[in-house]
Amino acid sequence: MIRIAIIIGSTRPGRKGEAVAKWVYEIAQKRSDAEFELVDIKEFNLPLLDEPVSPIMGQYTHQHTKTWSAKIASFDAYGACHASSPCYPRRGCLFH
């Protein structure tokens, strides 16, 4: 069965993405054609841009990045609920 992550992509206090992601997850759970998991990026404690090599290389030096990468790789697809700012820095974590 296809595995889909619904990612809470914001880490800031008062974030709104968490409520939206939980709402999406609740609706998604009614489907029987896929398996859904709620993934909170805040739980991974990812610092911004702390890896020495571009994420596309997949050569991670920090355990938190390796853990995040393995988690994301375990899914067939994902959707993210995050801030709407075009400069939002956490978007980059989706490419790890």
N, C-alpha and C. Protein backbone atom coordinates (compact mmCIF):
# COMPACT_ATOMS: atom_id res chain seq x y z
N MET A 1 0.85 -1.18 0.00
CA MET A 1 0.00 0.00 0.00
C MET A 1 0.90 1.25 0.00
N ILE A 2 0.47 2.25 -0.70
CA ILE A 2 1.23 3.50 -0.77
C ILE A 2 1.24 4.20 0.59
N ARG A 3 2.41 4.73 0.94
CA ARG A 3 2.58 5.44 2.22
C ARG A 3 2.74 6.92 1.94
N ILE A 4 1.93 7.73 2.62
CA ILE A 4 1.95 9.17 2.42
C ILE A 4 2.16 9.88 3.75
N ALA A 5 3.15 10.77 3.78
CA ALA A 5 3.41 11.58 4.97
C ALA A 5 2.67 12.90 4.85
N ILE A 6 2.06 13.30 5.92
CA ILE A 6 1.47 14.63 6.03
C ILE A 6 2.38 15.36 7.02
N ILE A 7 3.16 16.31 6.51
CA ILE A 7 4.22 16.93 7.29
C ILE A 7 3.78 18.26 7.88
N ILE A 8 3.97 18.38 9.18
CA ILE A 8 3.80 19.68 9.84
C ILE A 8 5.13 20.38 9.63
N GLY A 9 5.17 21.35 8.74
CA GLY A 9 6.42 21.94 8.30
C GLY A 9 6.86 23.20 9.00
N SER A 10 6.18 23.59 10.04
CA SER A 10 6.55 24.80 10.77
C SER A 10 7.03 24.42 12.17
N THR A 11 7.99 25.17 12.68
CA THR A 11 8.51 24.90 14.02
C THR A 11 8.29 26.08 14.97
N ARG A 12 7.73 27.14 14.47
CA ARG A 12 7.62 28.36 15.28
C ARG A 12 6.47 28.26 16.30
N PRO A 13 6.60 29.00 17.40
CA PRO A 13 5.51 29.04 18.38
C PRO A 13 4.24 29.62 17.75
N GLY A 14 3.11 29.09 18.10
CA GLY A 14 1.85 29.58 17.56
C GLY A 14 1.59 29.17 16.13
N ARG A 15 2.31 28.18 15.66
CA ARG A 15 2.18 27.74 14.26
C ARG A 15 0.76 27.30 13.95
N LYS A 16 0.31 27.58 12.75
CA LYS A 16 -1.04 27.22 12.33
C LYS A 16 -1.03 25.93 11.51
N GLY A 17 0.11 25.59 10.95
CA GLY A 17 0.21 24.40 10.12
C GLY A 17 -0.13 23.11 10.84
N GLU A 18 0.11 23.08 12.16
CA GLU A 18 -0.19 21.88 12.93
C GLU A 18 -1.68 21.56 12.89
N ALA A 19 -2.52 22.56 13.10
CA ALA A 19 -3.97 22.34 13.08
C ALA A 19 -4.43 21.91 11.69
N VAL A 20 -3.87 22.52 10.68
CA VAL A 20 -4.24 22.17 9.30
C VAL A 20 -3.80 20.75 8.98
N ALA A 21 -2.58 20.39 9.35
CA ALA A 21 -2.07 19.04 9.08
C ALA A 21 -2.91 17.98 9.80
N LYS A 22 -3.28 18.25 11.03
CA LYS A 22 -4.11 17.30 11.78
C LYS A 22 -5.49 17.15 11.14
N TRP A 23 -6.03 18.25 10.63
CA TRP A 23 -7.31 18.21 9.94
C TRP A 23 -7.20 17.37 8.66
N VAL A 24 -6.14 17.59 7.90
CA VAL A 24 -5.92 16.81 6.67
C VAL A 24 -5.76 15.33 7.02
N TYR A 25 -4.98 15.05 8.05
CA TYR A 25 -4.75 13.67 8.47
C TYR A 25 -6.06 12.98 8.86
N GLU A 26 -6.90 13.69 9.60
CA GLU A 26 -8.18 13.15 10.02
C GLU A 26 -9.04 12.76 8.81
N ILE A 27 -9.06 13.61 7.82
CA ILE A 27 -9.82 13.32 6.60
C ILE A 27 -9.18 12.17 5.83
N ALA A 28 -7.84 12.19 5.74
CA ALA A 28 -7.12 11.16 4.99
C ALA A 28 -7.33 9.77 5.60
N GLN A 29 -7.46 9.69 6.91
CA GLN A 29 -7.64 8.41 7.59
C GLN A 29 -8.90 7.68 7.14
N LYS A 30 -9.84 8.38 6.55
CA LYS A 30 -11.08 7.76 6.08
C LYS A 30 -10.87 6.98 4.78
N ARG A 31 -9.73 7.19 4.15
CA ARG A 31 -9.42 6.49 2.90
C ARG A 31 -8.85 5.12 3.20
N SER A 32 -9.09 4.18 2.31
CA SER A 32 -8.56 2.83 2.49
C SER A 32 -7.53 2.45 1.44
N ASP A 33 -7.22 3.38 0.54
CA ASP A 33 -6.30 3.07 -0.55
C ASP A 33 -4.87 3.54 -0.31
N ALA A 34 -4.59 4.06 0.88
CA ALA A 34 -3.25 4.53 1.22
C ALA A 34 -3.09 4.54 2.73
N GLU A 35 -1.85 4.53 3.17
CA GLU A 35 -1.53 4.63 4.59
C GLU A 35 -0.96 6.02 4.83
N PHE A 36 -1.47 6.73 5.82
CA PHE A 36 -1.06 8.10 6.10
C PHE A 36 -0.39 8.18 7.46
N GLU A 37 0.61 9.05 7.54
CA GLU A 37 1.28 9.29 8.82
C GLU A 37 1.53 10.78 8.99
N LEU A 38 1.26 11.27 10.17
CA LEU A 38 1.51 12.66 10.50
C LEU A 38 2.96 12.77 10.98
N VAL A 39 3.75 13.61 10.32
CA VAL A 39 5.17 13.78 10.66
C VAL A 39 5.39 15.24 11.04
N ASP A 40 5.90 15.46 12.24
CA ASP A 40 6.14 16.81 12.75
C ASP A 40 7.63 17.13 12.66
N ILE A 41 7.99 18.03 11.77
CA ILE A 41 9.39 18.38 11.59
C ILE A 41 10.03 18.92 12.86
N LYS A 42 9.22 19.50 13.71
CA LYS A 42 9.71 20.06 14.97
C LYS A 42 10.38 18.99 15.83
N GLU A 43 9.91 17.75 15.74
CA GLU A 43 10.45 16.65 16.53
C GLU A 43 11.85 16.22 16.11
N PHE A 44 12.31 16.68 14.94
CA PHE A 44 13.61 16.26 14.42
C PHE A 44 14.73 17.25 14.74
N ASN A 45 14.38 18.42 15.30
CA ASN A 45 15.38 19.42 15.69
C ASN A 45 16.42 19.67 14.61
N LEU A 46 15.96 20.00 13.42
CA LEU A 46 16.86 20.25 12.30
C LEU A 46 17.34 21.70 12.27
N PRO A 47 18.63 21.92 12.49
CA PRO A 47 19.16 23.28 12.33
C PRO A 47 19.15 23.65 10.85
N LEU A 48 19.12 24.91 10.58
CA LEU A 48 19.08 25.39 9.21
C LEU A 48 20.48 25.38 8.58
N LEU A 49 20.60 24.71 7.46
CA LEU A 49 21.84 24.69 6.66
C LEU A 49 23.08 24.29 7.46
N ASP A 50 23.01 23.20 8.22
CA ASP A 50 24.19 22.80 8.99
C ASP A 50 24.95 21.63 8.38
N GLU A 51 24.54 21.17 7.21
CA GLU A 51 25.28 20.12 6.52
C GLU A 51 26.28 20.76 5.56
N PRO A 52 27.51 20.24 5.48
CA PRO A 52 28.54 20.84 4.63
C PRO A 52 28.33 20.63 3.13
N VAL A 53 27.55 19.62 2.76
CA VAL A 53 27.35 19.28 1.35
C VAL A 53 25.87 19.45 0.98
N SER A 54 25.60 19.78 -0.25
CA SER A 54 24.22 19.94 -0.74
C SER A 54 23.41 18.67 -0.48
N PRO A 55 22.16 18.81 -0.09
CA PRO A 55 21.32 17.64 0.19
C PRO A 55 21.20 16.66 -0.97
N ILE A 56 21.33 17.15 -2.17
CA ILE A 56 21.18 16.26 -3.33
C ILE A 56 22.24 15.16 -3.35
N MET A 57 23.35 15.40 -2.66
CA MET A 57 24.42 14.42 -2.62
C MET A 57 24.11 13.26 -1.65
N GLY A 58 23.25 13.50 -0.68
CA GLY A 58 22.89 12.46 0.27
C GLY A 58 24.03 12.05 1.20
N GLN A 59 25.01 12.91 1.36
CA GLN A 59 26.17 12.63 2.22
C GLN A 59 26.05 13.43 3.51
N TYR A 60 25.27 12.93 4.43
CA TYR A 60 24.99 13.66 5.65
C TYR A 60 26.01 13.34 6.74
N THR A 61 26.37 14.36 7.51
CA THR A 61 27.33 14.16 8.59
C THR A 61 26.66 14.17 9.96
N HIS A 62 25.51 14.76 10.06
CA HIS A 62 24.81 14.87 11.35
C HIS A 62 23.69 13.84 11.47
N GLN A 63 23.60 13.26 12.67
CA GLN A 63 22.59 12.22 12.89
C GLN A 63 21.17 12.74 12.71
N HIS A 64 20.90 13.99 13.11
CA HIS A 64 19.54 14.50 12.96
C HIS A 64 19.12 14.56 11.49
N THR A 65 20.07 14.87 10.61
CA THR A 65 19.76 14.91 9.18
C THR A 65 19.57 13.50 8.64
N LYS A 66 20.38 12.57 9.07
CA LYS A 66 20.26 11.17 8.64
C LYS A 66 18.91 10.60 9.08
N THR A 67 18.51 10.92 10.30
CA THR A 67 17.23 10.43 10.82
C THR A 67 16.07 11.01 10.01
N TRP A 68 16.12 12.31 9.74
CA TRP A 68 15.09 12.97 8.94
C TRP A 68 15.04 12.37 7.54
N SER A 69 16.19 12.22 6.92
CA SER A 69 16.26 11.69 5.56
C SER A 69 15.67 10.28 5.47
N ALA A 70 16.00 9.44 6.45
CA ALA A 70 15.46 8.07 6.48
C ALA A 70 13.95 8.09 6.64
N LYS A 71 13.45 8.97 7.48
CA LYS A 71 12.00 9.07 7.70
C LYS A 71 11.29 9.44 6.41
N ILE A 72 11.79 10.49 5.75
CA ILE A 72 11.16 10.95 4.51
C ILE A 72 11.27 9.89 3.41
N ALA A 73 12.40 9.21 3.35
CA ALA A 73 12.61 8.17 2.33
C ALA A 73 11.66 6.99 2.51
N SER A 74 11.09 6.83 3.70
CA SER A 74 10.19 5.70 3.96
C SER A 74 8.80 5.89 3.35
N PHE A 75 8.57 7.06 2.78
CA PHE A 75 7.27 7.36 2.18
C PHE A 75 7.33 7.37 0.67
N ASP A 76 6.18 7.09 0.06
CA ASP A 76 6.06 7.15 -1.39
C ASP A 76 5.70 8.56 -1.85
N ALA A 77 5.08 9.32 -0.97
CA ALA A 77 4.66 10.68 -1.30
C ALA A 77 4.48 11.45 0.00
N TYR A 78 4.41 12.77 -0.13
CA TYR A 78 4.19 13.59 1.05
C TYR A 78 3.55 14.91 0.67
N GLY A 79 2.89 15.48 1.66
CA GLY A 79 2.33 16.82 1.54
C GLY A 79 2.75 17.58 2.78
N ALA A 80 2.99 18.86 2.65
CA ALA A 80 3.46 19.65 3.79
C ALA A 80 2.52 20.81 4.08
N CYS A 81 2.26 21.01 5.35
CA CYS A 81 1.50 22.16 5.82
C CYS A 81 2.49 23.07 6.52
N HIS A 82 2.75 24.24 5.92
CA HIS A 82 3.76 25.14 6.47
C HIS A 82 3.39 26.58 6.18
N ALA A 83 4.24 27.48 6.63
CA ALA A 83 4.01 28.91 6.41
C ALA A 83 3.94 29.20 4.91
N SER A 84 3.23 30.24 4.55
CA SER A 84 3.07 30.55 3.14
C SER A 84 4.13 31.51 2.61
N SER A 85 5.05 31.92 3.45
CA SER A 85 6.09 32.85 3.01
C SER A 85 6.99 32.21 1.96
N PRO A 86 7.29 32.92 0.87
CA PRO A 86 8.17 32.36 -0.16
C PRO A 86 9.60 32.21 0.34
N CYS A 87 9.94 32.82 1.45
CA CYS A 87 11.30 32.74 2.00
C CYS A 87 11.39 31.73 3.14
N TYR A 88 10.37 30.97 3.33
CA TYR A 88 10.33 30.05 4.46
C TYR A 88 11.46 29.03 4.37
N PRO A 89 12.42 29.05 5.31
CA PRO A 89 13.62 28.24 5.22
C PRO A 89 13.43 26.74 5.43
N ARG A 90 12.42 26.31 6.14
CA ARG A 90 12.25 24.88 6.42
C ARG A 90 11.85 24.09 5.19
N ARG A 91 11.45 24.76 4.11
CA ARG A 91 11.09 24.03 2.90
C ARG A 91 12.24 23.16 2.43
N GLY A 92 13.46 23.61 2.64
CA GLY A 92 14.63 22.88 2.20
C GLY A 92 14.74 21.49 2.79
N CYS A 93 14.17 21.28 3.96
CA CYS A 93 14.28 19.97 4.60
C CYS A 93 13.57 18.89 3.78
N LEU A 94 12.65 19.27 2.95
CA LEU A 94 11.93 18.28 2.16
C LEU A 94 12.79 17.67 1.08
N PHE A 95 13.94 18.26 0.82
CA PHE A 95 14.82 17.75 -0.23
C PHE A 95 15.94 16.90 0.34
N HIS A 96 15.94 16.64 1.63
CA HIS A 96 16.96 15.82 2.27
C HIS A 96 16.61 14.36 2.13
